[in-house]
Amino acid sequence: MSKATYSYLGSFAWRRVTSWLRRRHHGMSWKTLRRRFMHGSDITIDGVTLLMPATITVSRYRYRGAKIPTPWTPTPATS
């Protein structure tokens, strides 16, 4: 479920940024915009690349039972 949400969020952001670029550079053709601002499907401007959330690894919580240390367990005092 979260992977699909990240994919949707990434495509939404990509569409918004590309539409902003088209409005910002009104006279440029799509071919020129792609050549100037896109490397593959990534949008890169001045060395900063738009993060695509779908590339983030989704890891599930692994049940560890009693192995998780709790801050409330007193530790033995060493003298």
C-alpha atoms as a PDB file:
ATOM      1  CA  MET A   1       0.000   0.000   0.000  1.00  0.00           C
ATOM      2  CA  SER A   2       2.726   2.485   0.910  1.00  0.00           C
ATOM      3  CA  LYS A   3       4.702   1.669  -2.258  1.00  0.00           C
ATOM      4  CA  ALA A   4       1.672   2.581  -4.389  1.00  0.00           C
ATOM      5  CA  THR A   5       1.222   5.804  -2.421  1.00  0.00           C
ATOM      6  CA  TYR A   6       4.886   6.741  -2.935  1.00  0.00           C
ATOM      7  CA  SER A   7       4.551   6.033  -6.648  1.00  0.00           C
ATOM      8  CA  TYR A   8       1.447   8.213  -6.893  1.00  0.00           C
ATOM      9  CA  LEU A   9       3.116  11.015  -4.939  1.00  0.00           C
ATOM     10  CA  GLY A  10       6.183  10.888  -7.198  1.00  0.00           C
ATOM     11  CA  SER A  11       4.163  11.011 -10.403  1.00  0.00           C
ATOM     12  CA  PHE A  12       2.072  13.880  -9.023  1.00  0.00           C
ATOM     13  CA  ALA A  13       5.192  15.876  -8.105  1.00  0.00           C
ATOM     14  CA  TRP A  14       6.787  15.119 -11.505  1.00  0.00           C
ATOM     15  CA  ARG A  15       3.696  16.374 -13.359  1.00  0.00           C
ATOM     16  CA  ARG A  16       3.499  19.529 -11.231  1.00  0.00           C
ATOM     17  CA  VAL A  17       7.182  20.392 -11.700  1.00  0.00           C
ATOM     18  CA  THR A  18       7.111  19.744 -15.449  1.00  0.00           C
ATOM     19  CA  SER A  19       3.986  21.871 -15.849  1.00  0.00           C
ATOM     20  CA  TRP A  20       5.669  24.622 -13.806  1.00  0.00           C
ATOM     21  CA  LEU A  21       8.739  24.411 -16.064  1.00  0.00           C
ATOM     22  CA  ARG A  22       6.567  24.691 -19.169  1.00  0.00           C
ATOM     23  CA  ARG A  23       4.850  27.800 -17.766  1.00  0.00           C
ATOM     24  CA  ARG A  24       8.132  29.296 -16.538  1.00  0.00           C
ATOM     25  CA  HIS A  25       9.890  28.828 -19.888  1.00  0.00           C
ATOM     26  CA  HIS A  26       6.927  29.619 -22.086  1.00  0.00           C
ATOM     27  CA  GLY A  27       8.726  29.870 -25.444  1.00  0.00           C
ATOM     28  CA  MET A  28      10.715  26.626 -25.146  1.00  0.00           C
ATOM     29  CA  SER A  29       9.649  23.441 -26.846  1.00  0.00           C
ATOM     30  CA  TRP A  30       9.236  20.217 -24.889  1.00  0.00           C
ATOM     31  CA  LYS A  31      12.348  18.831 -26.605  1.00  0.00           C
ATOM     32  CA  THR A  32      14.463  21.759 -25.392  1.00  0.00           C
ATOM     33  CA  LEU A  33      13.073  21.496 -21.853  1.00  0.00           C
ATOM     34  CA  ARG A  34      13.897  17.788 -21.721  1.00  0.00           C
ATOM     35  CA  ARG A  35      17.405  18.370 -22.995  1.00  0.00           C
ATOM     36  CA  ARG A  36      18.059  21.196 -20.529  1.00  0.00           C
ATOM     37  CA  PHE A  37      16.369  19.992 -17.328  1.00  0.00           C
ATOM     38  CA  MET A  38      15.916  16.222 -17.583  1.00  0.00           C
ATOM     39  CA  HIS A  39      18.424  13.404 -17.496  1.00  0.00           C
ATOM     40  CA  GLY A  40      16.411  10.335 -18.376  1.00  0.00           C
ATOM     41  CA  SER A  41      13.183  10.730 -16.418  1.00  0.00           C
ATOM     42  CA  ASP A  42      14.835  12.658 -13.553  1.00  0.00           C
ATOM     43  CA  ILE A  43      14.378  16.409 -13.331  1.00  0.00           C
ATOM     44  CA  THR A  44      17.714  18.023 -12.456  1.00  0.00           C
ATOM     45  CA  ILE A  45      18.299  21.757 -12.053  1.00  0.00           C
ATOM     46  CA  ASP A  46      21.718  23.116 -10.980  1.00  0.00           C
ATOM     47  CA  GLY A  47      22.816  19.707  -9.695  1.00  0.00           C
ATOM     48  CA  VAL A  48      19.698  19.204  -7.543  1.00  0.00           C
ATOM     49  CA  THR A  49      17.540  16.250  -8.585  1.00  0.00           C
ATOM     50  CA  LEU A  50      13.832  15.929  -7.817  1.00  0.00           C
ATOM     51  CA  LEU A  51      13.394  13.090  -5.328  1.00  0.00           C
ATOM     52  CA  MET A  52      11.165  10.309  -6.562  1.00  0.00           C
ATOM     53  CA  PRO A  53       9.545   8.760  -3.467  1.00  0.00           C
ATOM     54  CA  ALA A  54       8.985   5.415  -5.241  1.00  0.00           C
ATOM     55  CA  THR A  55      12.758   4.786  -5.082  1.00  0.00           C
ATOM     56  CA  ILE A  56      12.668   4.699  -1.266  1.00  0.00           C
ATOM     57  CA  THR A  57      12.894   1.180   0.116  1.00  0.00           C
ATOM     58  CA  VAL A  58       9.843   0.102   2.095  1.00  0.00           C
ATOM     59  CA  SER A  59      10.827  -2.150   4.979  1.00  0.00           C
ATOM     60  CA  ARG A  60       8.315  -3.766   7.232  1.00  0.00           C
ATOM     61  CA  TYR A  61       8.557  -3.823  11.024  1.00  0.00           C
ATOM     62  CA  ARG A  62      10.209  -7.025  12.176  1.00  0.00           C
ATOM     63  CA  TYR A  63       8.850  -8.435  15.439  1.00  0.00           C
ATOM     64  CA  ARG A  64      11.707  -8.874  17.920  1.00  0.00           C
ATOM     65  CA  GLY A  65       9.811  -9.901  21.025  1.00  0.00           C
ATOM     66  CA  ALA A  66      11.770  -9.403  24.265  1.00  0.00           C
ATOM     67  CA  LYS A  67      14.995  -8.418  22.480  1.00  0.00           C
ATOM     68  CA  ILE A  68      13.996  -4.752  22.423  1.00  0.00           C
ATOM     69  CA  PRO A  69      15.642  -2.967  25.355  1.00  0.00           C
ATOM     70  CA  THR A  70      13.341  -0.787  27.430  1.00  0.00           C
ATOM     71  CA  PRO A  71      14.510   2.350  29.222  1.00  0.00           C
ATOM     72  CA  TRP A  72      12.502   1.411  32.333  1.00  0.00           C
ATOM     73  CA  THR A  73      14.415  -1.768  33.142  1.00  0.00           C
ATOM     74  CA  PRO A  74      16.855  -0.987  35.939  1.00  0.00           C
ATOM     75  CA  THR A  75      20.447  -1.846  35.190  1.00  0.00           C
ATOM     76  CA  PRO A  76      22.548  -3.422  37.930  1.00  0.00           C
ATOM     77  CA  ALA A  77      24.576  -0.805  39.762  1.00  0.00           C
ATOM     78  CA  THR A  78      28.301  -1.389  39.572  1.00  0.00           C
ATOM     79  CA  SER A  79      30.387  -0.301  42.548  1.00  0.00           C
END
